[in-house]
Amino acid sequence: MNICELGLGHCAVIADLHAESFTENWSTQAFADLISLPATFGFLAFDRDSDDPFGFVLCQGDDIEAEIITIATRPSVRRKGVAATLLKAACTQTARMFLEVATDNLSAISFYEKHGFAKIGVRKNYYKRPNGVVVDALVYEFTV
């Protein structure tokens, strides 16, 4: 597996990866708008032989503090180190990394805690599911 920095040329690819991972997915244009912002950075993981994309992480911030906006891994390659590699790459870019995760996303919560993130807060009624259910978000921080 290889990783590279995200650029505008990756927007369609990451929109497709995002759609594979989330019920509420973002358009290619939405990703282009985010990547165009000066404080946005991220990484794309891909197969070193075929160049097939495996996943990506998109962040906003600077070398002091940043936030993971979204991270997605193709379902067929989950639990194979892709997200861990992306998370590590993102966290090396800043002294403090933040993220939000839905309280009902137990696998993501376990993953972040396993990789050193600590819960620092709760955002009540943060996510609204397509079925109308509202879910809190846990706020996590990783400090180098």
Protein backbone atom coordinates (compact mmCIF):
# COMPACT_ATOMS: atom_id res chain seq x y z
CA MET A 1 0.00 0.00 0.00
CA ASN A 2 1.15 3.52 -0.82
CA ILE A 3 -0.19 6.87 0.31
CA CYS A 4 -0.04 10.29 -1.30
CA GLU A 5 -1.24 13.76 -0.41
CA LEU A 6 -4.79 14.55 -1.54
CA GLY A 7 -5.18 16.98 -4.39
CA LEU A 8 -7.99 18.32 -6.55
CA GLY A 9 -7.42 15.48 -9.02
CA HIS A 10 -8.58 12.99 -6.36
CA CYS A 11 -12.04 14.49 -5.76
CA ALA A 12 -14.05 12.01 -7.85
CA VAL A 13 -12.18 9.06 -6.37
CA ILE A 14 -12.71 10.15 -2.77
CA ALA A 15 -16.37 10.99 -3.45
CA ASP A 16 -16.81 7.38 -4.62
CA LEU A 17 -14.96 6.01 -1.57
CA HIS A 18 -17.06 8.19 0.72
CA ALA A 19 -20.27 6.92 -0.90
CA GLU A 20 -19.16 3.33 -0.20
CA SER A 21 -18.76 4.14 3.50
CA PHE A 22 -21.55 6.55 4.44
CA THR A 23 -25.29 6.80 3.80
CA GLU A 24 -24.97 10.59 3.61
CA ASN A 25 -22.27 11.03 1.00
CA TRP A 26 -20.65 14.13 -0.39
CA SER A 27 -20.36 15.14 -4.02
CA THR A 28 -17.20 15.53 -6.05
CA GLN A 29 -17.79 19.28 -5.97
CA ALA A 30 -18.13 19.29 -2.17
CA PHE A 31 -14.73 17.62 -1.91
CA ALA A 32 -13.24 20.05 -4.43
CA ASP A 33 -14.54 22.96 -2.38
CA LEU A 34 -12.98 21.52 0.80
CA ILE A 35 -9.63 20.61 -0.76
CA SER A 36 -9.38 24.10 -2.26
CA LEU A 37 -9.35 25.69 1.20
CA PRO A 38 -5.85 26.64 2.36
CA ALA A 39 -6.05 24.81 5.72
CA THR A 40 -7.23 21.50 4.23
CA PHE A 41 -4.93 18.50 3.94
CA GLY A 42 -5.29 14.77 3.63
CA PHE A 43 -4.01 11.52 2.23
CA LEU A 44 -5.14 8.84 -0.20
CA ALA A 45 -4.15 5.18 0.28
CA PHE A 46 -3.92 3.02 -2.81
CA ASP A 47 -2.66 -0.34 -4.01
CA ARG A 48 0.99 -0.05 -5.00
CA ASP A 49 0.56 -2.47 -7.91
CA SER A 50 -2.79 -1.55 -9.44
CA ASP A 51 -3.25 2.04 -8.14
CA ASP A 52 -6.75 1.05 -6.93
CA PRO A 53 -7.81 3.45 -4.16
CA PHE A 54 -8.30 1.93 -0.69
CA GLY A 55 -9.28 4.91 1.45
CA PHE A 56 -8.61 8.51 2.39
CA VAL A 57 -8.52 10.95 5.27
CA LEU A 58 -9.45 14.62 4.94
CA CYS A 59 -8.49 17.16 7.60
CA GLN A 60 -8.54 20.88 8.27
CA GLY A 61 -6.14 22.78 10.46
CA ASP A 62 -2.46 23.46 10.89
CA ASP A 63 0.61 22.13 12.63
CA ILE A 64 -0.74 23.16 16.04
CA GLU A 65 -4.23 21.68 15.86
CA ALA A 66 -6.41 20.08 13.22
CA GLU A 67 -9.62 18.11 12.84
CA ILE A 68 -10.38 15.02 10.85
CA ILE A 69 -13.33 16.00 8.68
CA THR A 70 -13.86 12.49 7.31
CA ILE A 71 -12.04 9.23 6.91
CA ALA A 72 -13.23 6.37 4.74
CA THR A 73 -11.93 2.94 3.79
CA ARG A 74 -13.28 0.75 1.02
CA PRO A 75 -15.31 -2.03 2.72
CA SER A 76 -13.35 -4.81 0.97
CA VAL A 77 -10.06 -3.71 2.61
CA ARG A 78 -11.25 -2.87 6.11
CA ARG A 79 -9.32 -4.29 9.06
CA LYS A 80 -6.16 -4.50 6.95
CA GLY A 81 -4.36 -1.41 8.27
CA VAL A 82 -5.54 1.13 5.72
CA ALA A 83 -7.34 3.42 8.17
CA ALA A 84 -4.53 3.08 10.72
CA THR A 85 -1.98 4.15 8.10
CA LEU A 86 -4.12 7.13 7.07
CA LEU A 87 -4.77 8.12 10.69
CA LYS A 88 -1.06 8.01 11.51
CA ALA A 89 -0.17 10.10 8.45
CA ALA A 90 -2.77 12.73 9.38
CA CYS A 91 -1.72 12.89 13.03
CA THR A 92 1.92 13.49 12.13
CA GLN A 93 0.89 16.80 10.53
CA THR A 94 -0.25 18.46 13.77
CA ALA A 95 0.35 18.54 17.52
CA ARG A 96 -3.35 18.02 18.40
CA MET A 97 -5.90 16.19 16.26
CA PHE A 98 -9.63 16.26 16.93
CA LEU A 99 -12.53 14.30 15.50
CA GLU A 100 -16.20 13.59 16.07
CA VAL A 101 -17.81 10.17 15.92
CA ALA A 102 -21.43 9.10 16.39
CA THR A 103 -22.15 7.36 19.67
CA ASP A 104 -23.67 4.43 17.78
CA ASN A 105 -20.54 3.85 15.66
CA LEU A 106 -18.97 1.40 18.09
CA SER A 107 -16.35 0.05 15.68
CA ALA A 108 -15.06 3.57 14.95
CA ILE A 109 -15.00 4.44 18.66
CA SER A 110 -13.00 1.29 19.38
CA PHE A 111 -10.63 2.06 16.49
CA TYR A 112 -9.92 5.64 17.63
CA GLU A 113 -9.41 4.64 21.25
CA LYS A 114 -7.06 1.83 20.17
CA HIS A 115 -4.99 4.45 18.33
CA GLY A 116 -4.63 6.80 21.28
CA PHE A 117 -7.58 9.16 20.95
CA ALA A 118 -9.23 10.22 24.22
CA LYS A 119 -12.83 11.34 24.61
CA ILE A 120 -13.03 15.00 25.63
CA GLY A 121 -16.67 15.89 25.07
CA VAL A 122 -20.12 15.20 23.70
CA ARG A 123 -22.15 17.14 21.13
CA LYS A 124 -25.80 16.46 21.80
CA ASN A 125 -28.11 15.65 18.88
CA TYR A 126 -25.30 16.14 16.38
CA TYR A 127 -26.12 13.56 13.70
CA LYS A 128 -29.55 13.08 12.14
CA ARG A 129 -30.03 9.68 10.54
CA PRO A 130 -32.08 9.18 7.35
CA ASN A 131 -34.78 7.50 9.47
CA GLY A 132 -35.07 10.63 11.62
CA VAL A 133 -33.19 9.29 14.64
CA VAL A 134 -30.87 11.86 16.21
CA VAL A 135 -27.55 10.68 17.65
CA ASP A 136 -24.96 12.41 19.83
CA ALA A 137 -21.36 12.85 18.71
CA LEU A 138 -18.37 12.07 20.88
CA VAL A 139 -15.48 14.49 20.53
CA TYR A 140 -12.02 12.89 20.62
CA GLU A 141 -8.51 14.31 20.79
CA PHE A 142 -5.10 12.89 20.01
CA THR A 143 -2.08 14.77 21.34
CA VAL A 144 1.46 14.06 20.22
